[in-house]
């Protein structure tokens, strides 16, 4: 179990803005010696005596040599991000100046922070629990509206609040059952079993809902892989370019122009779709390079979350039918059939020609016709759940694993209640369930888990 009271008495410093040239850079320092260190480097004002949450303009100097004109922010313990005294130095964004400021702080007694150490100190000092700390990393790495909203809600304690309430309810009943054990010889019952079983069933529903949200959460966090498949000259690269609204892939009338896969990102309604343009698929080819491309195309198709199978509506051949009826249907792979160059046909003819297939999207990739309908279909086929809602969505694999343990434990407690097991065994099962909750929030955890969690952070956060 982590000792939250020892081993965190030194002062750390790090660049908190991205490295490189910029208008300004922010260097953050946290720890008990922060005020003393800055007082030696900022002669304009004795910052040890200024109010908290204030900004101060002046020259940053080391051993009498001016380095830069800076703005220093002062934040005092315990009302700061880390719960410690924090100094934030906003200097000009020259990498040379950044290094001079950092080295000056280190020379006066600070040390360079490890990845995620500022947030780790916030956790250690009780400013946020482990789920909120992990959400900070998710927020930094968010690249869509959906991922940003989900992470921000968890930073604010959305998931933590649910776990805290569940833990409090279980602790209350656990205490009553433990009390019954102290009076076992008097045969008294302090815990209302009917109310307790109702609580367990409610907790099961909550954890089941959170577990089911993980599929959506995985989509929000990691995106969806989309393989664009078809025979040579079907229009795969043209479709990729049209979806991206840029000329990313080379397009020509020569069959086999695309020899290797091309991957690009497309944002649809706040979800990232990873589009993979593949080499055209022929049933037989004597070209060794093309054969390797076809092999890679089939591998990408099998690994993708969904396949866009595109074909020229006038030229559906054996290769198309083989892929659709064998490789896709037999594998139960999600796929969308796309009839390209459909601007050259009567709508009734198209519907009649492909009436034996599942719903087909009709497009003209070169002209951009049908693309918005295709995007909507792609989104609806792969994303389920209200992305814009305020529901808690689980995006973290560690949380998902912990919730699985909690849910299994609740099922066991419910079964035990129905079988009227003795109170001492019921109390033991409750303690196990509470342990699983505490491991998610970090109330009970190990240094190994913490090192893993915070190693994924950037330095300076």
Protein backbone atom coordinates (compact mmCIF):
# COMPACT_ATOMS: atom_id res chain seq x y z
CA UNK A 1 0.00 0.00 0.00
CA UNK A 2 1.27 3.45 -0.92
CA UNK A 3 2.48 5.70 1.88
CA UNK A 4 1.12 9.11 0.94
CA UNK A 5 3.00 10.94 3.68
CA UNK A 6 6.67 10.28 2.96
CA UNK A 7 9.24 10.56 0.19
CA UNK A 8 7.88 13.71 -1.42
CA UNK A 9 9.75 16.50 0.36
CA UNK A 10 12.04 17.64 -2.45
CA UNK A 11 11.30 20.33 -5.05
CA UNK A 12 10.81 19.55 -8.73
CA UNK A 13 10.99 21.70 -11.84
CA UNK A 14 10.13 21.12 -15.51
CA UNK A 15 9.15 22.79 -18.74
CA UNK A 16 5.34 22.54 -18.95
CA UNK A 17 4.91 23.87 -22.49
CA UNK A 18 6.04 21.93 -25.57
CA UNK A 19 9.80 22.12 -26.30
CA UNK A 20 10.90 24.32 -29.17
CA UNK A 21 10.60 27.97 -30.19
CA UNK A 22 7.44 29.83 -29.21
CA UNK A 23 6.17 33.20 -28.04
CA UNK A 24 6.41 32.14 -24.39
CA UNK A 25 7.34 29.07 -22.38
CA UNK A 26 6.07 28.09 -18.94
CA UNK A 27 8.39 26.47 -16.41
CA UNK A 28 6.73 25.00 -13.33
CA UNK A 29 8.31 24.36 -9.94
CA UNK A 30 6.64 22.56 -7.02
CA UNK A 31 7.81 21.67 -3.53
CA UNK A 32 8.69 23.00 -0.10
CA UNK A 33 11.73 24.95 -1.36
CA UNK A 34 9.97 26.62 -4.30
CA UNK A 35 9.59 30.01 -2.59
CA UNK A 36 13.17 30.05 -1.34
CA UNK A 37 14.55 29.10 -4.75
CA UNK A 38 12.60 31.77 -6.66
CA UNK A 39 13.56 34.41 -4.08
CA UNK A 40 17.20 33.88 -5.11
CA UNK A 41 16.39 34.18 -8.82
CA UNK A 42 13.79 36.97 -8.91
CA UNK A 43 15.31 40.02 -7.16
CA UNK A 44 12.48 42.39 -8.13
CA UNK A 45 10.15 41.14 -5.38
CA UNK A 46 10.46 38.87 -2.37
CA UNK A 47 7.85 36.35 -3.45
CA UNK A 48 7.91 34.61 -0.07
CA UNK A 49 5.75 37.41 1.30
CA UNK A 50 3.30 38.03 -1.56
CA UNK A 51 -0.33 36.82 -1.57
CA UNK A 52 -1.22 33.52 -3.25
CA UNK A 53 -2.59 33.38 -6.80
CA UNK A 54 -0.78 36.54 -7.93
CA UNK A 55 1.42 37.41 -10.92
CA UNK A 56 4.65 39.40 -10.79
CA UNK A 57 6.70 40.99 -13.58
CA UNK A 58 10.46 41.33 -13.27
CA UNK A 59 13.93 40.21 -14.30
CA UNK A 60 14.93 36.57 -13.78
CA UNK A 61 18.62 36.53 -12.88
CA UNK A 62 21.16 33.95 -11.74
CA UNK A 63 24.21 35.03 -9.72
CA UNK A 64 23.63 38.64 -10.74
CA UNK A 65 23.39 37.86 -14.47
CA UNK A 66 20.06 38.74 -16.07
CA UNK A 67 18.51 35.94 -18.11
CA UNK A 68 15.07 37.22 -19.16
CA UNK A 69 12.14 39.42 -18.25
CA UNK A 70 9.50 37.01 -16.92
CA UNK A 71 6.09 36.81 -15.28
CA UNK A 72 6.03 34.67 -12.14
CA UNK A 73 2.84 33.12 -10.79
CA UNK A 74 2.66 32.24 -7.10
CA UNK A 75 0.39 29.45 -5.81
CA UNK A 76 0.53 28.37 -2.19
CA UNK A 77 -0.11 25.06 -0.46
CA UNK A 78 -2.56 23.51 0.01
CA UNK A 79 -4.68 25.38 -2.55
CA UNK A 80 -2.63 24.55 -5.63
CA UNK A 81 -2.65 21.86 -8.28
CA UNK A 82 -0.15 19.66 -6.45
CA UNK A 83 -1.16 20.71 -2.94
CA UNK A 84 2.35 22.16 -2.52
CA UNK A 85 3.83 25.61 -3.08
CA UNK A 86 4.03 26.12 -6.85
CA UNK A 87 5.91 28.70 -8.90
CA UNK A 88 5.14 29.14 -12.60
CA UNK A 89 7.67 31.13 -14.62
CA UNK A 90 6.49 32.50 -17.99
CA UNK A 91 9.59 33.39 -19.99
CA UNK A 92 10.21 34.07 -23.66
CA UNK A 93 10.06 30.95 -25.81
CA UNK A 94 13.69 30.66 -26.82
CA UNK A 95 14.97 27.12 -26.13
CA UNK A 96 18.22 28.71 -24.92
CA UNK A 97 16.36 30.86 -22.36
CA UNK A 98 14.22 27.90 -21.29
CA UNK A 99 17.33 25.86 -20.50
CA UNK A 100 18.95 28.74 -18.64
CA UNK A 101 15.89 29.17 -16.42
CA UNK A 102 15.69 25.42 -15.78
CA UNK A 103 19.39 25.10 -14.98
CA UNK A 104 19.23 28.10 -12.63
CA UNK A 105 16.37 26.49 -10.66
CA UNK A 106 18.26 23.17 -10.51
CA UNK A 107 21.43 24.93 -9.36
CA UNK A 108 19.49 26.48 -6.47
CA UNK A 109 18.13 23.15 -5.21
CA UNK A 110 15.36 21.83 -7.46
CA UNK A 111 15.58 18.64 -9.49
CA UNK A 112 14.14 17.83 -12.90
CA UNK A 113 10.66 16.30 -12.60
CA UNK A 114 9.85 12.81 -13.84
CA UNK A 115 6.99 12.23 -16.33
CA UNK A 116 3.66 12.97 -14.63
CA UNK A 117 5.25 13.86 -11.30
CA UNK A 118 3.25 17.06 -10.77
CA UNK A 119 -0.02 15.13 -11.19
CA UNK A 120 1.38 12.28 -9.10
CA UNK A 121 2.00 14.75 -6.27
CA UNK A 122 -1.56 16.03 -6.68
CA UNK A 123 -2.71 12.43 -6.17
CA UNK A 124 -0.36 11.84 -3.25
CA UNK A 125 -1.61 15.00 -1.55
CA UNK A 126 -5.27 14.12 -2.02
CA UNK A 127 -6.08 16.78 -4.61
CA UNK A 128 -7.53 14.16 -6.95
CA UNK A 129 -7.92 10.40 -7.03
CA UNK A 130 -6.24 8.01 -9.46
CA UNK A 131 -9.12 7.99 -11.96
CA UNK A 132 -9.00 11.77 -12.15
CA UNK A 133 -5.22 11.70 -12.56
CA UNK A 134 -5.54 9.29 -15.48
CA UNK A 135 -8.23 11.52 -16.99
CA UNK A 136 -5.72 14.40 -16.94
CA UNK A 137 -3.49 12.37 -19.29
CA UNK A 138 -6.50 11.57 -21.48
CA UNK A 139 -7.40 15.27 -21.63
CA UNK A 140 -3.87 16.20 -22.72
CA UNK A 141 -4.00 13.52 -25.44
CA UNK A 142 -7.56 14.27 -26.61
CA UNK A 143 -7.84 14.97 -30.32
CA UNK A 144 -11.61 15.21 -30.85
CA UNK A 145 -14.56 16.92 -29.18
CA UNK A 146 -15.82 13.56 -27.92
CA UNK A 147 -12.52 12.54 -26.32
CA UNK A 148 -12.07 16.01 -24.81
CA UNK A 149 -15.56 16.04 -23.25
CA UNK A 150 -15.22 12.51 -21.89
CA UNK A 151 -11.82 13.22 -20.32
CA UNK A 152 -12.93 16.58 -18.88
CA UNK A 153 -15.95 15.00 -17.23
CA UNK A 154 -13.73 12.43 -15.53
CA UNK A 155 -11.19 15.09 -14.50
CA UNK A 156 -14.09 16.80 -12.73
CA UNK A 157 -14.79 13.56 -10.89
CA UNK A 158 -17.72 12.05 -12.82
CA UNK A 159 -16.51 8.45 -12.60
CA UNK A 160 -15.01 9.02 -9.14
CA UNK A 161 -18.35 10.25 -7.78
CA UNK A 162 -20.09 7.03 -8.83
CA UNK A 163 -17.40 4.86 -7.24
CA UNK A 164 -17.36 6.98 -4.06
CA UNK A 165 -21.13 6.65 -3.62
CA UNK A 166 -20.99 2.90 -4.24
CA UNK A 167 -18.15 2.52 -1.76
CA UNK A 168 -19.94 4.55 0.92
CA UNK A 169 -23.11 2.45 0.60
CA UNK A 170 -21.18 -0.81 0.77
CA UNK A 171 -19.08 0.37 3.71
CA UNK A 172 -22.24 1.25 5.66
CA UNK A 173 -23.66 -2.26 5.28
CA UNK A 174 -20.27 -3.85 5.83
CA UNK A 175 -19.97 -2.03 9.16
CA UNK A 176 -23.39 -3.29 10.25
CA UNK A 177 -22.56 -6.87 9.29
CA UNK A 178 -19.23 -6.64 11.11
CA UNK A 179 -21.16 -5.37 14.13
CA UNK A 180 -23.44 -8.39 13.98
CA UNK A 181 -20.36 -10.61 14.23
CA UNK A 182 -19.44 -8.88 17.51
CA UNK A 183 -22.87 -9.83 18.89
CA UNK A 184 -23.09 -13.27 17.26
CA UNK A 185 -23.99 -15.00 20.54
CA UNK A 186 -27.05 -12.76 20.98
CA UNK A 187 -28.45 -13.55 17.50
CA UNK A 188 -29.17 -9.92 16.53
CA UNK A 189 -29.44 -8.46 13.03
CA UNK A 190 -28.41 -4.86 12.40
CA UNK A 191 -28.28 -4.91 8.60
CA UNK A 192 -31.62 -4.98 6.77
CA UNK A 193 -31.10 -7.87 4.32
CA UNK A 194 -33.94 -6.74 2.02
CA UNK A 195 -32.45 -3.27 1.70
CA UNK A 196 -29.00 -4.75 1.24
CA UNK A 197 -30.01 -7.02 -1.63
CA UNK A 198 -31.69 -4.03 -3.32
CA UNK A 199 -28.44 -2.10 -3.00
CA UNK A 200 -26.43 -4.96 -4.51
CA UNK A 201 -28.80 -5.25 -7.48
CA UNK A 202 -28.67 -1.49 -8.05
CA UNK A 203 -24.85 -1.58 -7.89
CA UNK A 204 -24.86 -4.42 -10.44
CA UNK A 205 -26.89 -2.30 -12.86
CA UNK A 206 -24.52 0.63 -12.42
CA UNK A 207 -21.38 -1.43 -13.01
CA UNK A 208 -22.98 -3.25 -15.95
CA UNK A 209 -23.81 0.12 -17.54
CA UNK A 210 -20.26 1.36 -17.04
CA UNK A 211 -18.84 -1.86 -18.48
CA UNK A 212 -21.07 -1.62 -21.55
CA UNK A 213 -19.88 1.96 -22.15
CA UNK A 214 -16.31 0.73 -22.66
CA UNK A 215 -16.95 -0.21 -26.27
CA UNK A 216 -18.00 3.36 -26.99
CA UNK A 217 -15.13 4.65 -24.86
CA UNK A 218 -12.62 2.63 -26.85
CA UNK A 219 -13.99 4.16 -30.04
CA UNK A 220 -13.73 7.67 -28.58
CA UNK A 221 -10.17 7.15 -27.36
CA UNK A 222 -8.61 5.02 -30.10
CA UNK A 223 -10.77 5.64 -33.15
CA UNK A 224 -12.05 3.16 -35.74
CA UNK A 225 -9.94 1.46 -38.40
CA UNK A 226 -11.55 1.49 -41.86
CA UNK A 227 -10.09 -0.55 -44.73
CA UNK A 228 -11.00 0.65 -48.24
CA UNK A 229 -11.01 -2.50 -50.37
CA UNK A 230 -11.77 -3.26 -54.01
CA UNK A 231 -10.27 -4.46 -57.24
CA UNK A 232 -7.83 -2.26 -59.22
CA UNK A 233 -9.32 0.96 -60.63
CA UNK A 234 -12.51 0.66 -58.57
CA UNK A 235 -11.94 4.16 -57.17
CA UNK A 236 -10.41 3.44 -53.75
CA UNK A 237 -7.82 6.21 -53.86
CA UNK A 238 -10.32 8.67 -55.32
CA UNK A 239 -12.70 7.85 -52.47
CA UNK A 240 -9.92 8.42 -49.91
CA UNK A 241 -9.05 11.79 -51.45
CA UNK A 242 -12.71 12.84 -51.54
CA UNK A 243 -13.34 11.82 -47.94
CA UNK A 244 -10.26 13.78 -46.84
CA UNK A 245 -10.98 16.66 -49.23
CA UNK A 246 -7.35 16.62 -50.37
CA UNK A 247 -5.16 14.79 -52.88
CA UNK A 248 -3.52 12.38 -50.48
CA UNK A 249 -3.31 9.31 -52.75
CA UNK A 250 -2.07 9.14 -56.33
CA UNK A 251 -4.94 8.55 -58.75
CA UNK A 252 -4.57 7.33 -62.34
CA UNK A 253 -6.34 5.16 -64.89
CA UNK A 254 -3.49 2.65 -64.71
CA UNK A 255 -4.58 -0.42 -62.74
CA UNK A 256 -2.38 -1.18 -59.73
CA UNK A 257 -1.20 2.40 -59.10
CA UNK A 258 -1.53 1.87 -55.35
CA UNK A 259 1.00 -0.83 -54.38
CA UNK A 260 1.08 -0.34 -50.59
CA UNK A 261 -1.33 0.84 -47.92
CA UNK A 262 -1.88 4.54 -47.15
CA UNK A 263 -3.34 5.56 -43.79
CA UNK A 264 -5.03 8.87 -42.96
CA UNK A 265 -7.35 10.22 -40.25
CA UNK A 266 -10.90 11.50 -40.74
CA UNK A 267 -13.00 13.15 -38.02
CA UNK A 268 -16.73 12.40 -38.27
CA UNK A 269 -18.94 13.85 -35.52
CA UNK A 270 -16.08 13.90 -33.02
CA UNK A 271 -14.86 10.35 -33.71
CA UNK A 272 -11.57 9.56 -35.45
CA UNK A 273 -11.76 7.12 -38.36
CA UNK A 274 -8.40 5.72 -39.50
CA UNK A 275 -8.83 5.28 -43.26
CA UNK A 276 -6.60 2.70 -44.94
CA UNK A 277 -6.34 2.84 -48.73
CA UNK A 278 -5.16 -0.55 -49.98
CA UNK A 279 -3.75 -2.07 -53.14
CA UNK A 280 -6.33 -3.33 -55.62
CA UNK A 281 -7.26 -6.99 -55.25
CA UNK A 282 -6.99 -9.38 -58.19
CA UNK A 283 -7.66 -13.10 -57.97
CA UNK A 284 -4.49 -13.89 -59.92
CA UNK A 285 -1.43 -11.79 -60.71
CA UNK A 286 2.05 -12.58 -62.00
CA UNK A 287 3.49 -9.33 -60.59
CA UNK A 288 5.39 -10.23 -57.40
CA UNK A 289 5.18 -6.68 -55.98
CA UNK A 290 1.46 -6.47 -56.71
CA UNK A 291 0.94 -9.86 -55.05
CA UNK A 292 2.57 -8.57 -51.88
CA UNK A 293 0.27 -5.53 -52.01
CA UNK A 294 -2.80 -7.75 -52.40
CA UNK A 295 -1.69 -9.86 -49.44
CA UNK A 296 -1.32 -6.73 -47.30
CA UNK A 297 -4.73 -5.49 -48.43
CA UNK A 298 -6.38 -8.72 -47.26
CA UNK A 299 -4.52 -8.49 -43.93
CA UNK A 300 -5.72 -4.91 -43.40
CA UNK A 301 -9.26 -5.96 -44.30
CA UNK A 302 -9.29 -8.73 -41.71
CA UNK A 303 -7.83 -6.47 -39.00
CA UNK A 304 -10.11 -3.47 -39.66
CA UNK A 305 -13.14 -2.60 -37.56
CA UNK A 306 -15.16 -2.04 -40.73
CA UNK A 307 -14.55 -2.47 -44.47
CA UNK A 308 -15.62 -0.13 -47.26
CA UNK A 309 -15.86 -2.40 -50.29
CA UNK A 310 -15.97 -0.24 -53.42
CA UNK A 311 -16.69 -1.40 -56.97
CA UNK A 312 -17.59 0.10 -60.34
CA UNK A 313 -21.36 -0.49 -60.60
CA UNK A 314 -21.01 -1.50 -64.29
CA UNK A 315 -18.13 -3.92 -63.76
CA UNK A 316 -18.86 -6.17 -60.78
CA UNK A 317 -16.82 -9.31 -61.44
CA UNK A 318 -15.99 -12.63 -59.82
CA UNK A 319 -13.38 -11.00 -57.59
CA UNK A 320 -16.06 -8.70 -56.11
CA UNK A 321 -18.50 -11.51 -55.49
CA UNK A 322 -15.78 -13.71 -53.96
CA UNK A 323 -14.72 -11.02 -51.48
CA UNK A 324 -18.30 -10.07 -50.55
CA UNK A 325 -19.72 -13.56 -50.14
CA UNK A 326 -16.65 -15.31 -48.72
CA UNK A 327 -14.11 -13.01 -47.09
CA UNK A 328 -16.63 -10.55 -45.64
CA UNK A 329 -19.86 -12.45 -44.97
CA UNK A 330 -18.14 -15.61 -43.76
CA UNK A 331 -15.96 -13.62 -41.37
CA UNK A 332 -18.96 -11.72 -39.97
CA UNK A 333 -16.98 -8.55 -40.67
CA UNK A 334 -18.81 -5.23 -40.61
CA UNK A 335 -18.77 -3.84 -44.12
CA UNK A 336 -20.45 -1.33 -46.41
CA UNK A 337 -20.85 -1.98 -50.13
CA UNK A 338 -20.19 1.09 -52.27
CA UNK A 339 -21.25 1.25 -55.91
CA UNK A 340 -19.00 3.85 -57.51
CA UNK A 341 -19.66 5.95 -60.67
CA UNK A 342 -23.38 5.66 -59.96
CA UNK A 343 -23.97 9.08 -61.52
CA UNK A 344 -23.82 7.25 -64.86
CA UNK A 345 -26.86 5.03 -64.14
CA UNK A 346 -30.60 5.37 -63.60
CA UNK A 347 -31.48 5.01 -59.86
CA UNK A 348 -34.07 2.29 -60.58
CA UNK A 349 -31.51 0.28 -62.55
CA UNK A 350 -29.06 0.45 -59.64
CA UNK A 351 -31.60 -0.74 -57.09
CA UNK A 352 -32.66 -3.60 -59.36
CA UNK A 353 -29.10 -4.65 -60.15
CA UNK A 354 -28.06 -4.89 -56.48
CA UNK A 355 -31.35 -5.96 -54.91
CA UNK A 356 -29.78 -9.20 -53.61
CA UNK A 357 -27.23 -7.33 -51.47
CA UNK A 358 -27.61 -5.54 -48.19
CA UNK A 359 -28.11 -1.78 -48.44
CA UNK A 360 -25.63 -0.38 -50.96
CA UNK A 361 -24.26 3.16 -50.88
CA UNK A 362 -24.30 4.76 -54.32
CA UNK A 363 -21.56 7.34 -54.92
CA UNK A 364 -19.60 9.14 -57.59
CA UNK A 365 -16.26 9.51 -55.82
CA UNK A 366 -14.68 11.83 -58.40
CA UNK A 367 -17.66 14.22 -58.29
CA UNK A 368 -18.17 13.92 -54.51
CA UNK A 369 -21.73 12.64 -54.85
CA UNK A 370 -23.11 10.48 -52.03
CA UNK A 371 -20.14 11.14 -49.76
CA UNK A 372 -22.11 12.74 -46.92
CA UNK A 373 -24.55 9.83 -46.93
CA UNK A 374 -21.60 7.42 -46.81
CA UNK A 375 -20.10 9.28 -43.82
CA UNK A 376 -23.41 9.08 -41.95
CA UNK A 377 -23.67 5.37 -42.69
CA UNK A 378 -20.07 4.77 -41.60
CA UNK A 379 -20.75 6.56 -38.31
CA UNK A 380 -24.04 4.77 -37.60
CA UNK A 381 -22.56 1.34 -38.39
CA UNK A 382 -19.66 1.72 -35.96
CA UNK A 383 -20.70 4.11 -33.19
CA UNK A 384 -23.49 3.42 -30.74
CA UNK A 385 -24.38 5.60 -27.78
CA UNK A 386 -25.02 9.29 -27.20
CA UNK A 387 -21.64 10.95 -27.70
CA UNK A 388 -23.02 14.35 -26.71
CA UNK A 389 -24.69 13.12 -23.50
CA UNK A 390 -23.45 13.66 -19.96
CA UNK A 391 -23.27 9.92 -19.27
CA UNK A 392 -20.03 8.58 -17.84
CA UNK A 393 -18.06 6.69 -20.49
CA UNK A 394 -15.23 4.32 -19.56
CA UNK A 395 -12.19 4.75 -21.83
CA UNK A 396 -9.44 3.28 -19.62
CA UNK A 397 -8.58 -0.44 -19.83
CA UNK A 398 -7.46 -0.48 -16.17
CA UNK A 399 -10.82 0.88 -15.07
CA UNK A 400 -12.61 -1.67 -17.24
CA UNK A 401 -10.66 -4.53 -15.67
CA UNK A 402 -11.39 -3.24 -12.18
CA UNK A 403 -15.10 -2.87 -12.94
CA UNK A 404 -15.19 -6.46 -14.16
CA UNK A 405 -13.83 -7.56 -10.78
CA UNK A 406 -16.35 -5.39 -8.93
CA UNK A 407 -19.25 -6.71 -11.01
CA UNK A 408 -18.20 -10.33 -10.47
CA UNK A 409 -17.88 -9.66 -6.76
CA UNK A 410 -21.38 -8.14 -6.62
CA UNK A 411 -22.77 -11.21 -8.40
CA UNK A 412 -21.08 -13.41 -5.81
CA UNK A 413 -22.49 -11.34 -2.93
CA UNK A 414 -25.99 -11.53 -4.42
CA UNK A 415 -25.73 -15.31 -4.76
CA UNK A 416 -24.42 -15.59 -1.21
CA UNK A 417 -27.32 -13.53 0.10
CA UNK A 418 -29.81 -15.76 -1.68
CA UNK A 419 -28.13 -18.83 -0.13
CA UNK A 420 -28.13 -17.26 3.37
CA UNK A 421 -24.39 -17.73 3.94
CA UNK A 422 -23.01 -16.87 7.41
CA UNK A 423 -22.24 -13.24 8.21
CA UNK A 424 -18.48 -13.77 8.49
CA UNK A 425 -18.27 -15.06 4.90
CA UNK A 426 -20.52 -12.26 3.66
CA UNK A 427 -18.29 -9.70 5.40
CA UNK A 428 -15.25 -11.23 3.67
CA UNK A 429 -16.87 -10.94 0.24
CA UNK A 430 -17.79 -7.34 0.95
CA UNK A 431 -14.19 -6.55 1.87
CA UNK A 432 -13.04 -8.04 -1.45
CA UNK A 433 -15.50 -5.84 -3.36
CA UNK A 434 -14.39 -2.73 -1.48
CA UNK A 435 -10.76 -3.65 -2.24
CA UNK A 436 -11.50 -3.68 -5.98
CA UNK A 437 -13.14 -0.25 -5.79
CA UNK A 438 -10.21 1.17 -3.82
CA UNK A 439 -7.73 -0.17 -6.39
CA UNK A 440 -9.47 1.77 -9.16
CA UNK A 441 -9.56 5.06 -7.23
CA UNK A 442 -6.05 4.58 -5.83
CA UNK A 443 -7.08 4.53 -2.16
CA UNK A 444 -5.30 1.19 -2.07
CA UNK A 445 -2.62 0.67 -4.68
CA UNK A 446 1.01 -0.21 -5.22
CA UNK A 447 4.03 1.75 -6.36
CA UNK A 448 4.16 -0.49 -9.44
CA UNK A 449 0.67 0.60 -10.52
CA UNK A 450 1.46 4.25 -9.88
CA UNK A 451 4.73 4.07 -11.80
CA UNK A 452 2.85 2.55 -14.75
CA UNK A 453 0.07 5.15 -14.68
CA UNK A 454 2.26 8.23 -14.39
CA UNK A 455 5.00 7.03 -16.74
CA UNK A 456 2.53 7.65 -19.60
CA UNK A 457 2.35 11.37 -18.77
CA UNK A 458 4.50 14.03 -20.39
CA UNK A 459 7.19 15.72 -18.31
CA UNK A 460 5.86 18.94 -16.77
CA UNK A 461 2.35 17.70 -16.03
